[in-house]
C-alpha atoms as a PDB file:
ATOM      1  CA  MET A   1      46.534 -29.240   8.365  1.00  0.00           C
ATOM      2  CA  PRO A   2      45.446 -25.640   9.023  1.00  0.00           C
ATOM      3  CA  ARG A   3      48.029 -23.537  10.800  1.00  0.00           C
ATOM      4  CA  THR A   4      47.237 -20.944  13.469  1.00  0.00           C
ATOM      5  CA  ILE A   5      49.568 -18.034  14.277  1.00  0.00           C
ATOM      6  CA  ARG A   6      49.091 -16.383  17.654  1.00  0.00           C
ATOM      7  CA  VAL A   7      50.792 -14.732  20.629  1.00  0.00           C
ATOM      8  CA  LEU A   8      52.270 -17.199  23.109  1.00  0.00           C
ATOM      9  CA  ALA A   9      51.036 -17.604  26.665  1.00  0.00           C
ATOM     10  CA  SER A  10      53.596 -17.641  29.469  1.00  0.00           C
ATOM     11  CA  GLN A  11      53.932 -21.439  29.594  1.00  0.00           C
ATOM     12  CA  GLU A  12      54.432 -21.490  25.821  1.00  0.00           C
ATOM     13  CA  VAL A  13      57.283 -18.981  26.106  1.00  0.00           C
ATOM     14  CA  GLU A  14      58.792 -21.394  28.640  1.00  0.00           C
ATOM     15  CA  MET A  15      58.456 -24.154  26.025  1.00  0.00           C
ATOM     16  CA  LEU A  16      60.155 -22.021  23.371  1.00  0.00           C
ATOM     17  CA  VAL A  17      63.074 -21.343  25.723  1.00  0.00           C
ATOM     18  CA  ASP A  18      63.255 -25.099  26.412  1.00  0.00           C
ATOM     19  CA  TRP A  19      63.515 -25.624  22.649  1.00  0.00           C
ATOM     20  CA  ALA A  20      66.420 -23.161  22.649  1.00  0.00           C
ATOM     21  CA  ALA A  21      68.109 -25.278  25.308  1.00  0.00           C
ATOM     22  CA  GLY A  22      67.593 -28.315  23.094  1.00  0.00           C
ATOM     23  CA  GLU A  23      69.346 -26.468  20.264  1.00  0.00           C
ATOM     24  CA  GLY A  24      72.381 -25.979  22.517  1.00  0.00           C
ATOM     25  CA  TRP A  25      71.819 -22.273  23.150  1.00  0.00           C
ATOM     26  CA  ASN A  26      72.153 -22.665  26.948  1.00  0.00           C
ATOM     27  CA  PRO A  27      69.526 -20.154  28.118  1.00  0.00           C
ATOM     28  CA  GLY A  28      69.505 -18.846  31.667  1.00  0.00           C
ATOM     29  CA  LEU A  29      67.390 -20.240  34.468  1.00  0.00           C
ATOM     30  CA  GLY A  30      64.229 -18.154  34.682  1.00  0.00           C
ATOM     31  CA  ASP A  31      64.866 -16.363  31.392  1.00  0.00           C
ATOM     32  CA  ALA A  32      61.401 -16.963  29.966  1.00  0.00           C
ATOM     33  CA  ALA A  33      59.485 -14.875  32.497  1.00  0.00           C
ATOM     34  CA  VAL A  34      61.851 -11.899  32.211  1.00  0.00           C
ATOM     35  CA  PHE A  35      61.920 -12.138  28.414  1.00  0.00           C
ATOM     36  CA  ARG A  36      58.128 -12.076  28.266  1.00  0.00           C
ATOM     37  CA  ALA A  37      57.908  -9.119  30.664  1.00  0.00           C
ATOM     38  CA  ALA A  38      59.895  -7.051  28.141  1.00  0.00           C
ATOM     39  CA  ASP A  39      56.994  -7.260  25.668  1.00  0.00           C
ATOM     40  CA  PRO A  40      54.213  -9.772  26.417  1.00  0.00           C
ATOM     41  CA  GLU A  41      52.835  -9.551  22.875  1.00  0.00           C
ATOM     42  CA  GLY A  42      56.256 -10.129  21.315  1.00  0.00           C
ATOM     43  CA  PHE A  43      56.363 -13.940  21.402  1.00  0.00           C
ATOM     44  CA  ILE A  44      54.607 -15.647  18.524  1.00  0.00           C
ATOM     45  CA  GLY A  45      53.984 -19.281  17.684  1.00  0.00           C
ATOM     46  CA  ALA A  46      52.635 -21.438  14.877  1.00  0.00           C
ATOM     47  CA  PHE A  47      50.222 -24.151  15.968  1.00  0.00           C
ATOM     48  CA  VAL A  48      48.881 -27.221  14.183  1.00  0.00           C
ATOM     49  CA  ASP A  49      46.184 -29.299  15.877  1.00  0.00           C
ATOM     50  CA  GLY A  50      46.791 -27.326  19.064  1.00  0.00           C
ATOM     51  CA  GLU A  51      50.523 -28.122  19.188  1.00  0.00           C
ATOM     52  CA  MET A  52      53.222 -25.484  18.828  1.00  0.00           C
ATOM     53  CA  VAL A  53      55.412 -26.286  15.828  1.00  0.00           C
ATOM     54  CA  ALA A  54      57.460 -23.069  15.524  1.00  0.00           C
ATOM     55  CA  GLY A  55      58.121 -19.904  17.472  1.00  0.00           C
ATOM     56  CA  ILE A  56      59.869 -16.560  17.395  1.00  0.00           C
ATOM     57  CA  SER A  57      60.396 -13.507  19.592  1.00  0.00           C
ATOM     58  CA  ALA A  58      59.755 -10.124  17.994  1.00  0.00           C
ATOM     59  CA  VAL A  59      60.227  -7.802  20.938  1.00  0.00           C
ATOM     60  CA  ALA A  60      59.409  -4.135  20.484  1.00  0.00           C
ATOM     61  CA  TYR A  61      61.398  -1.643  22.549  1.00  0.00           C
ATOM     62  CA  GLY A  62      59.106   1.312  22.024  1.00  0.00           C
ATOM     63  CA  ASP A  63      58.176   2.614  18.577  1.00  0.00           C
ATOM     64  CA  GLY A  64      61.666   2.845  17.105  1.00  0.00           C
ATOM     65  CA  PHE A  65      63.499  -0.427  17.754  1.00  0.00           C
ATOM     66  CA  GLY A  66      62.793  -4.148  17.858  1.00  0.00           C
ATOM     67  CA  PHE A  67      64.732  -7.380  18.097  1.00  0.00           C
ATOM     68  CA  ILE A  68      64.198 -10.827  16.561  1.00  0.00           C
ATOM     69  CA  GLY A  69      65.272 -13.957  18.430  1.00  0.00           C
ATOM     70  CA  LEU A  70      64.253 -17.448  19.551  1.00  0.00           C
ATOM     71  CA  TYR A  71      63.486 -18.302  15.920  1.00  0.00           C
ATOM     72  CA  ILE A  72      62.988 -22.076  16.108  1.00  0.00           C
ATOM     73  CA  CYS A  73      60.945 -24.672  14.266  1.00  0.00           C
ATOM     74  CA  ARG A  74      60.381 -28.027  15.924  1.00  0.00           C
ATOM     75  CA  PRO A  75      62.775 -30.489  14.248  1.00  0.00           C
ATOM     76  CA  ASP A  76      60.051 -32.955  13.239  1.00  0.00           C
ATOM     77  CA  ARG A  77      58.014 -30.185  11.532  1.00  0.00           C
ATOM     78  CA  ARG A  78      60.726 -28.482   9.515  1.00  0.00           C
ATOM     79  CA  GLY A  79      60.280 -28.066   5.797  1.00  0.00           C
ATOM     80  CA  GLU A  80      56.536 -27.407   6.112  1.00  0.00           C
ATOM     81  CA  GLY A  81      56.626 -23.595   6.061  1.00  0.00           C
ATOM     82  CA  HIS A  82      55.960 -23.047   9.774  1.00  0.00           C
ATOM     83  CA  GLY A  83      59.256 -21.230  10.367  1.00  0.00           C
ATOM     84  CA  LYS A  84      58.602 -18.844   7.498  1.00  0.00           C
ATOM     85  CA  ALA A  85      55.106 -18.220   8.852  1.00  0.00           C
ATOM     86  CA  VAL A  86      56.317 -17.109  12.294  1.00  0.00           C
ATOM     87  CA  TRP A  87      59.128 -15.089  10.716  1.00  0.00           C
ATOM     88  CA  ASP A  88      56.637 -13.185   8.595  1.00  0.00           C
ATOM     89  CA  ALA A  89      54.407 -12.616  11.629  1.00  0.00           C
ATOM     90  CA  GLY A  90      57.298 -11.341  13.734  1.00  0.00           C
ATOM     91  CA  MET A  91      58.551  -8.988  11.046  1.00  0.00           C
ATOM     92  CA  ALA A  92      55.041  -7.690  10.426  1.00  0.00           C
ATOM     93  CA  ARG A  93      54.635  -6.994  14.119  1.00  0.00           C
ATOM     94  CA  LEU A  94      57.823  -4.904  14.272  1.00  0.00           C
ATOM     95  CA  GLY A  95      56.863  -3.029  11.123  1.00  0.00           C
ATOM     96  CA  ASP A  96      59.099  -0.120  10.133  1.00  0.00           C
ATOM     97  CA  ARG A  97      61.183  -0.082  13.323  1.00  0.00           C
ATOM     98  CA  VAL A  98      64.925  -0.555  13.131  1.00  0.00           C
ATOM     99  CA  ILE A  99      65.228  -4.315  13.712  1.00  0.00           C
ATOM    100  CA  GLY A 100      68.207  -6.183  15.106  1.00  0.00           C
ATOM    101  CA  LEU A 101      69.120  -9.853  15.363  1.00  0.00           C
ATOM    102  CA  ASP A 102      72.138 -12.043  16.052  1.00  0.00           C
ATOM    103  CA  GLY A 103      72.615 -14.301  13.046  1.00  0.00           C
ATOM    104  CA  VAL A 104      74.494 -17.582  13.008  1.00  0.00           C
ATOM    105  CA  VAL A 105      76.854 -18.031  10.080  1.00  0.00           C
ATOM    106  CA  GLU A 106      74.553 -20.434   8.240  1.00  0.00           C
ATOM    107  CA  GLN A 107      71.648 -17.962   8.171  1.00  0.00           C
ATOM    108  CA  GLN A 108      73.399 -14.665   7.478  1.00  0.00           C
ATOM    109  CA  ALA A 109      72.971 -14.842   3.706  1.00  0.00           C
ATOM    110  CA  ASN A 110      69.225 -15.366   4.183  1.00  0.00           C
ATOM    111  CA  TYR A 111      69.011 -12.380   6.508  1.00  0.00           C
ATOM    112  CA  ARG A 112      70.873 -10.204   4.017  1.00  0.00           C
ATOM    113  CA  ARG A 113      68.304 -11.110   1.373  1.00  0.00           C
ATOM    114  CA  MET A 114      65.652  -9.883   3.810  1.00  0.00           C
ATOM    115  CA  GLY A 115      67.301  -6.481   4.130  1.00  0.00           C
ATOM    116  CA  PHE A 116      69.602  -6.990   7.114  1.00  0.00           C
ATOM    117  CA  ALA A 117      73.176  -5.693   7.085  1.00  0.00           C
ATOM    118  CA  SER A 118      76.073  -7.015   9.178  1.00  0.00           C
ATOM    119  CA  VAL A 119      77.465  -4.579  11.754  1.00  0.00           C
ATOM    120  CA  TYR A 120      79.794  -6.568  14.014  1.00  0.00           C
ATOM    121  CA  GLU A 121      80.813 -10.110  14.891  1.00  0.00           C
ATOM    122  CA  THR A 122      80.209 -11.534  18.357  1.00  0.00           C
ATOM    123  CA  LEU A 123      82.266 -14.379  19.837  1.00  0.00           C
ATOM    124  CA  ARG A 124      81.251 -16.473  22.825  1.00  0.00           C
ATOM    125  CA  TYR A 125      84.153 -16.826  25.253  1.00  0.00           C
ATOM    126  CA  SER A 126      83.957 -19.562  27.872  1.00  0.00           C
ATOM    127  CA  GLY A 127      86.141 -20.822  30.690  1.00  0.00           C
ATOM    128  CA  HIS A 128      86.848 -20.559  34.405  1.00  0.00           C
ATOM    129  CA  ALA A 129      88.543 -17.158  34.243  1.00  0.00           C
ATOM    130  CA  THR A 130      91.019 -17.924  36.998  1.00  0.00           C
ATOM    131  CA  GLY A 131      93.325 -15.215  35.665  1.00  0.00           C
ATOM    132  CA  LEU A 132      90.917 -12.297  36.055  1.00  0.00           C
ATOM    133  CA  THR A 133      91.876  -9.642  38.597  1.00  0.00           C
ATOM    134  CA  GLY A 134      89.293  -7.614  40.467  1.00  0.00           C
ATOM    135  CA  GLY A 135      89.545  -4.433  42.513  1.00  0.00           C
ATOM    136  CA  GLY A 136      88.226  -0.897  42.475  1.00  0.00           C
ATOM    137  CA  ASP A 137      84.871   0.351  43.705  1.00  0.00           C
ATOM    138  CA  ILE A 138      82.443  -2.424  42.692  1.00  0.00           C
ATOM    139  CA  ARG A 139      79.020  -2.384  44.331  1.00  0.00           C
ATOM    140  CA  ARG A 140      75.829  -4.384  44.263  1.00  0.00           C
ATOM    141  CA  LEU A 141      72.952  -2.616  42.575  1.00  0.00           C
ATOM    142  CA  THR A 142      70.610  -1.063  45.129  1.00  0.00           C
ATOM    143  CA  PRO A 143      67.149   0.405  44.425  1.00  0.00           C
ATOM    144  CA  ASP A 144      68.360   3.985  44.884  1.00  0.00           C
ATOM    145  CA  LEU A 145      70.723   3.539  41.907  1.00  0.00           C
ATOM    146  CA  ALA A 146      68.177   1.994  39.527  1.00  0.00           C
ATOM    147  CA  ALA A 147      67.458   5.267  37.708  1.00  0.00           C
ATOM    148  CA  GLU A 148      71.178   5.857  37.097  1.00  0.00           C
ATOM    149  CA  ILE A 149      71.551   2.329  35.709  1.00  0.00           C
ATOM    150  CA  LEU A 150      68.644   2.934  33.316  1.00  0.00           C
ATOM    151  CA  THR A 151      70.391   6.077  32.079  1.00  0.00           C
ATOM    152  CA  TYR A 152      73.719   4.292  31.642  1.00  0.00           C
ATOM    153  CA  ASP A 153      72.046   1.361  29.893  1.00  0.00           C
ATOM    154  CA  ARG A 154      70.258   3.674  27.478  1.00  0.00           C
ATOM    155  CA  ALA A 155      73.595   5.013  26.229  1.00  0.00           C
ATOM    156  CA  CYS A 156      74.763   1.471  25.477  1.00  0.00           C
ATOM    157  CA  PHE A 157      71.593  -0.190  24.170  1.00  0.00           C
ATOM    158  CA  PRO A 158      69.677   0.967  21.075  1.00  0.00           C
ATOM    159  CA  ALA A 159      66.482   1.855  22.975  1.00  0.00           C
ATOM    160  CA  PRO A 160      65.101   2.335  26.491  1.00  0.00           C
ATOM    161  CA  ARG A 161      64.118  -1.008  28.060  1.00  0.00           C
ATOM    162  CA  PRO A 162      62.814  -0.354  31.583  1.00  0.00           C
ATOM    163  CA  ALA A 163      60.309  -3.238  31.543  1.00  0.00           C
ATOM    164  CA  PHE A 164      63.047  -5.726  30.695  1.00  0.00           C
ATOM    165  CA  LEU A 165      65.590  -4.367  33.179  1.00  0.00           C
ATOM    166  CA  GLU A 166      63.058  -4.316  35.997  1.00  0.00           C
ATOM    167  CA  GLY A 167      63.194  -8.103  35.999  1.00  0.00           C
ATOM    168  CA  TRP A 168      66.717  -8.629  34.659  1.00  0.00           C
ATOM    169  CA  LEU A 169      68.368  -6.727  37.506  1.00  0.00           C
ATOM    170  CA  GLN A 170      66.595  -8.704  40.237  1.00  0.00           C
ATOM    171  CA  PRO A 171      67.852 -11.734  42.197  1.00  0.00           C
ATOM    172  CA  PRO A 172      68.719 -14.517  41.699  1.00  0.00           C
ATOM    173  CA  ARG A 173      70.720 -12.680  39.012  1.00  0.00           C
ATOM    174  CA  VAL A 174      73.734 -10.797  40.320  1.00  0.00           C
ATOM    175  CA  ALA A 175      73.895  -7.152  39.235  1.00  0.00           C
ATOM    176  CA  LEU A 176      77.043  -5.144  40.000  1.00  0.00           C
ATOM    177  CA  LEU A 177      78.127  -1.627  39.108  1.00  0.00           C
ATOM    178  CA  ALA A 178      81.459   0.140  38.992  1.00  0.00           C
ATOM    179  CA  VAL A 179      81.839   3.614  40.464  1.00  0.00           C
ATOM    180  CA  LYS A 180      84.559   6.203  39.901  1.00  0.00           C
ATOM    181  CA  ALA A 181      84.511   9.741  41.305  1.00  0.00           C
ATOM    182  CA  SER A 182      80.952   9.150  42.569  1.00  0.00           C
ATOM    183  CA  ARG A 183      79.769   8.312  39.044  1.00  0.00           C
ATOM    184  CA  ILE A 184      78.687   4.993  37.539  1.00  0.00           C
ATOM    185  CA  CYS A 185      81.263   3.922  34.967  1.00  0.00           C
ATOM    186  CA  GLY A 186      79.919   0.462  34.149  1.00  0.00           C
ATOM    187  CA  TYR A 187      77.616  -2.349  35.156  1.00  0.00           C
ATOM    188  CA  GLY A 188      77.148  -6.043  34.554  1.00  0.00           C
ATOM    189  CA  VAL A 189      74.723  -8.874  35.252  1.00  0.00           C
ATOM    190  CA  ALA A 190      75.418 -12.586  35.756  1.00  0.00           C
ATOM    191  CA  ARG A 191      72.866 -15.402  35.766  1.00  0.00           C
ATOM    192  CA  GLN A 192      73.013 -19.155  36.189  1.00  0.00           C
ATOM    193  CA  CYS A 193      72.263 -21.115  33.024  1.00  0.00           C
ATOM    194  CA  ARG A 194      71.510 -24.711  32.107  1.00  0.00           C
ATOM    195  CA  GLU A 195      75.301 -25.081  32.053  1.00  0.00           C
ATOM    196  CA  GLY A 196      77.501 -22.682  33.987  1.00  0.00           C
ATOM    197  CA  PHE A 197      76.617 -19.001  33.970  1.00  0.00           C
ATOM    198  CA  LYS A 198      76.472 -16.113  31.535  1.00  0.00           C
ATOM    199  CA  VAL A 199      77.433 -12.483  31.956  1.00  0.00           C
ATOM    200  CA  GLY A 200      75.360  -9.973  30.046  1.00  0.00           C
ATOM    201  CA  PRO A 201      75.125  -7.140  29.706  1.00  0.00           C
ATOM    202  CA  LEU A 202      78.658  -6.016  30.485  1.00  0.00           C
ATOM    203  CA  PHE A 203      78.789  -2.287  29.762  1.00  0.00           C
ATOM    204  CA  ALA A 204      81.704  -0.102  30.850  1.00  0.00           C
ATOM    205  CA  ASP A 205      83.572   3.088  30.059  1.00  0.00           C
ATOM    206  CA  ASP A 206      86.803   1.213  29.340  1.00  0.00           C
ATOM    207  CA  THR A 207      88.455  -2.215  29.222  1.00  0.00           C
ATOM    208  CA  GLU A 208      89.929  -2.005  32.724  1.00  0.00           C
ATOM    209  CA  THR A 209      86.517  -1.344  34.263  1.00  0.00           C
ATOM    210  CA  ALA A 210      84.917  -4.130  32.231  1.00  0.00           C
ATOM    211  CA  LEU A 211      87.548  -6.618  33.427  1.00  0.00           C
ATOM    212  CA  ARG A 212      87.111  -5.587  37.057  1.00  0.00           C
ATOM    213  CA  LEU A 213      83.355  -6.045  36.796  1.00  0.00           C
ATOM    214  CA  LEU A 214      83.745  -9.401  35.084  1.00  0.00           C
ATOM    215  CA  ALA A 215      86.097 -10.645  37.810  1.00  0.00           C
ATOM    216  CA  ALA A 216      83.689  -9.544  40.529  1.00  0.00           C
ATOM    217  CA  LEU A 217      80.744 -11.225  38.828  1.00  0.00           C
ATOM    218  CA  ALA A 218      82.685 -14.449  38.252  1.00  0.00           C
ATOM    219  CA  ASN A 219      83.645 -14.560  41.935  1.00  0.00           C
ATOM    220  CA  ARG A 220      79.970 -14.625  42.886  1.00  0.00           C
ATOM    221  CA  MET A 221      78.919 -17.424  40.493  1.00  0.00           C
ATOM    222  CA  THR A 222      79.568 -21.144  40.068  1.00  0.00           C
ATOM    223  CA  GLY A 223      80.525 -23.179  37.023  1.00  0.00           C
ATOM    224  CA  THR A 224      81.865 -22.148  33.645  1.00  0.00           C
ATOM    225  CA  LEU A 225      81.677 -18.493  32.602  1.00  0.00           C
ATOM    226  CA  HIS A 226      80.172 -17.642  29.205  1.00  0.00           C
ATOM    227  CA  ILE A 227      80.104 -14.155  27.691  1.00  0.00           C
ATOM    228  CA  ASP A 228      79.200 -12.974  24.171  1.00  0.00           C
ATOM    229  CA  VAL A 229      81.786 -10.353  23.228  1.00  0.00           C
ATOM    230  CA  PRO A 230      81.923  -7.981  20.236  1.00  0.00           C
ATOM    231  CA  ALA A 231      85.037  -9.196  18.436  1.00  0.00           C
ATOM    232  CA  ALA A 232      86.201  -5.649  17.691  1.00  0.00           C
ATOM    233  CA  ASN A 233      87.008  -5.120  21.389  1.00  0.00           C
ATOM    234  CA  SER A 234      90.521  -6.431  20.767  1.00  0.00           C
ATOM    235  CA  GLY A 235      92.026  -5.379  24.098  1.00  0.00           C
ATOM    236  CA  PHE A 236      89.231  -7.017  26.054  1.00  0.00           C
ATOM    237  CA  VAL A 237      89.422 -10.162  23.907  1.00  0.00           C
ATOM    238  CA  ALA A 238      93.176 -10.388  24.503  1.00  0.00           C
ATOM    239  CA  ALA A 239      92.636 -10.093  28.255  1.00  0.00           C
ATOM    240  CA  LEU A 240      90.008 -12.849  28.202  1.00  0.00           C
ATOM    241  CA  ARG A 241      92.374 -15.158  26.351  1.00  0.00           C
ATOM    242  CA  ALA A 242      95.164 -14.378  28.805  1.00  0.00           C
ATOM    243  CA  ALA A 243      92.782 -15.159  31.678  1.00  0.00           C
ATOM    244  CA  GLY A 244      92.115 -18.625  30.284  1.00  0.00           C
ATOM    245  CA  LEU A 245      88.864 -18.172  28.321  1.00  0.00           C
ATOM    246  CA  SER A 246      88.494 -19.712  24.865  1.00  0.00           C
ATOM    247  CA  PRO A 247      86.336 -18.614  21.901  1.00  0.00           C
ATOM    248  CA  GLY A 248      83.433 -20.786  20.823  1.00  0.00           C
ATOM    249  CA  PHE A 249      80.721 -20.153  18.295  1.00  0.00           C
ATOM    250  CA  SER A 250      80.196 -16.807  16.613  1.00  0.00           C
ATOM    251  CA  THR A 251      77.200 -14.770  15.546  1.00  0.00           C
ATOM    252  CA  THR A 252      76.915 -11.480  13.717  1.00  0.00           C
ATOM    253  CA  ARG A 253      74.800  -8.571  14.923  1.00  0.00           C
ATOM    254  CA  MET A 254      72.703  -7.469  11.964  1.00  0.00           C
ATOM    255  CA  TYR A 255      70.244  -4.604  11.562  1.00  0.00           C
ATOM    256  CA  ARG A 256      67.549  -3.686   9.113  1.00  0.00           C
ATOM    257  CA  GLY A 257      66.806   0.015   8.817  1.00  0.00           C
ATOM    258  CA  GLY A 258      70.262   1.252   9.765  1.00  0.00           C
ATOM    259  CA  ALA A 259      72.583   0.698  12.707  1.00  0.00           C
ATOM    260  CA  PRO A 260      71.511   2.382  15.980  1.00  0.00           C
ATOM    261  CA  ALA A 261      73.631   5.140  17.462  1.00  0.00           C
ATOM    262  CA  ASN A 262      74.316   3.541  20.842  1.00  0.00           C
ATOM    263  CA  ALA A 263      77.788   3.779  22.404  1.00  0.00           C
ATOM    264  CA  GLN A 264      79.165   0.540  20.973  1.00  0.00           C
ATOM    265  CA  ALA A 265      82.621   1.112  22.460  1.00  0.00           C
ATOM    266  CA  ARG A 266      81.120   0.573  25.921  1.00  0.00           C
ATOM    267  CA  VAL A 267      79.645  -2.837  25.006  1.00  0.00           C
ATOM    268  CA  PHE A 268      81.966  -5.583  26.269  1.00  0.00           C
ATOM    269  CA  GLY A 269      79.292  -8.248  26.575  1.00  0.00           C
ATOM    270  CA  ILE A 270      75.898  -8.230  24.908  1.00  0.00           C
ATOM    271  CA  THR A 271      72.844  -8.830  27.084  1.00  0.00           C
ATOM    272  CA  THR A 272      71.407 -11.882  25.324  1.00  0.00           C
ATOM    273  CA  LEU A 273      71.382 -13.360  21.833  1.00  0.00           C
ATOM    274  CA  GLU A 274      67.593 -13.647  22.171  1.00  0.00           C
ATOM    275  CA  LEU A 275      66.584 -10.067  23.070  1.00  0.00           C
ATOM    276  CA  GLY A 276      69.622  -8.015  22.058  1.00  0.00           C
END
């Protein structure tokens, strides 16, 4: 059957996120609309007889950086080349940008063959976090602080992403920031998911601030907490374990074109496995 490759409409992005839920990825409620707002042309599908059989996100953050995610082929159509077709389309769209992705263990060798290099491991920690302790000057994000959050986020993420954050920082997500000496020293976002809730991003100047933000976010949510943590943050990881969280599956952040120069030491929880 002839295969068509094209940009996904909004309801088709919803379908792709539903596929991710079926794969056990536990996306957030309402993720699809905010994902698509980051780059409406960045979601690509393969179609046969009008039915989507594979999809991918290839989101461009400006001219210098892009991120690959949501790379899924429908289980009953695997082995027919549809996954490779959307992969090629996504990579072609991002061109010569630095490209990032979060690779599961089983696929990392394939990504290396395609020019990606491993930079750091990420572990998903989950639990009820009853042992976390809050405190300090933690505030809800208000519109007058949005510009400062964009500046702080830019230091921690490989590229500016105002279109994404415009939606990501809005209710029903909970966005909190930490302040010290009248200066923002961290921020985090929590959102309800198909199961429990996820925190991401969690960016902070230091471990103590990250833990205070995480405690405050957890106190405002219901269900099990999930957070994807760079494994190299050993002090933060130790605190999560002491608070009752347990590690689950791991991914590896990989880049093609060189690792970006963002402030990795401030990254205590990545934003999403889908969009970086």
